[in-house]
């Protein structure tokens, strides 16, 4: 005798399995949606030291970064502490930001590093903000000379400077927008 199909109960899947499949399907859908939204564009939430690039194509990002680089190179950096004050232009230490390389770094975010690395970058960009550093650094010898001149002036006043920290702070201030003054780090403070 054949079983009665009308009275047979359908197999019931465990609720945890249903939840897991639902979560995975939703994540896959959102990933495909994100790929479509960001196709050929910098992911939303990606910026370069205060310059938002999210949603731009790579050529648009290059253009925006070139404009920001012109502004950064013309805006002096205030360096001060305990009576020492000076203004430095990024061009004084031959800082040459490379807009094309920086835009490429920003556009590659969420597309490199394997599937898990790319997914992690995309999640960080969507739920927070991802800062990409400028490509291009100041000329090493010029930077050393600047820090040495500040250190010599401080030493003449009986002060001792953390040179490595000062160098790092100047490099960070050089690329940041809007500009913030650099506090000279002294060893006794």
Foldseek 3Di string as FASTA:
>chain_A
DDDDPVPDDDDDDDPVVVVVVVVVVVVVVVVVVQCVQQVQAQDAQEAAQPHGRHPHHLVVQLVSVVVVLVVLQPDWAWEDDDPDIDTHGLVQQPWDFDSNVQSVVRSCQLVDDPPVNSVVSNVCRVPHHHYGYTPTFGNVVSLVVVLVVVQVVQVVVVWHFPSVVQSVQVRSQSRHPPHDHHYTHTPVD
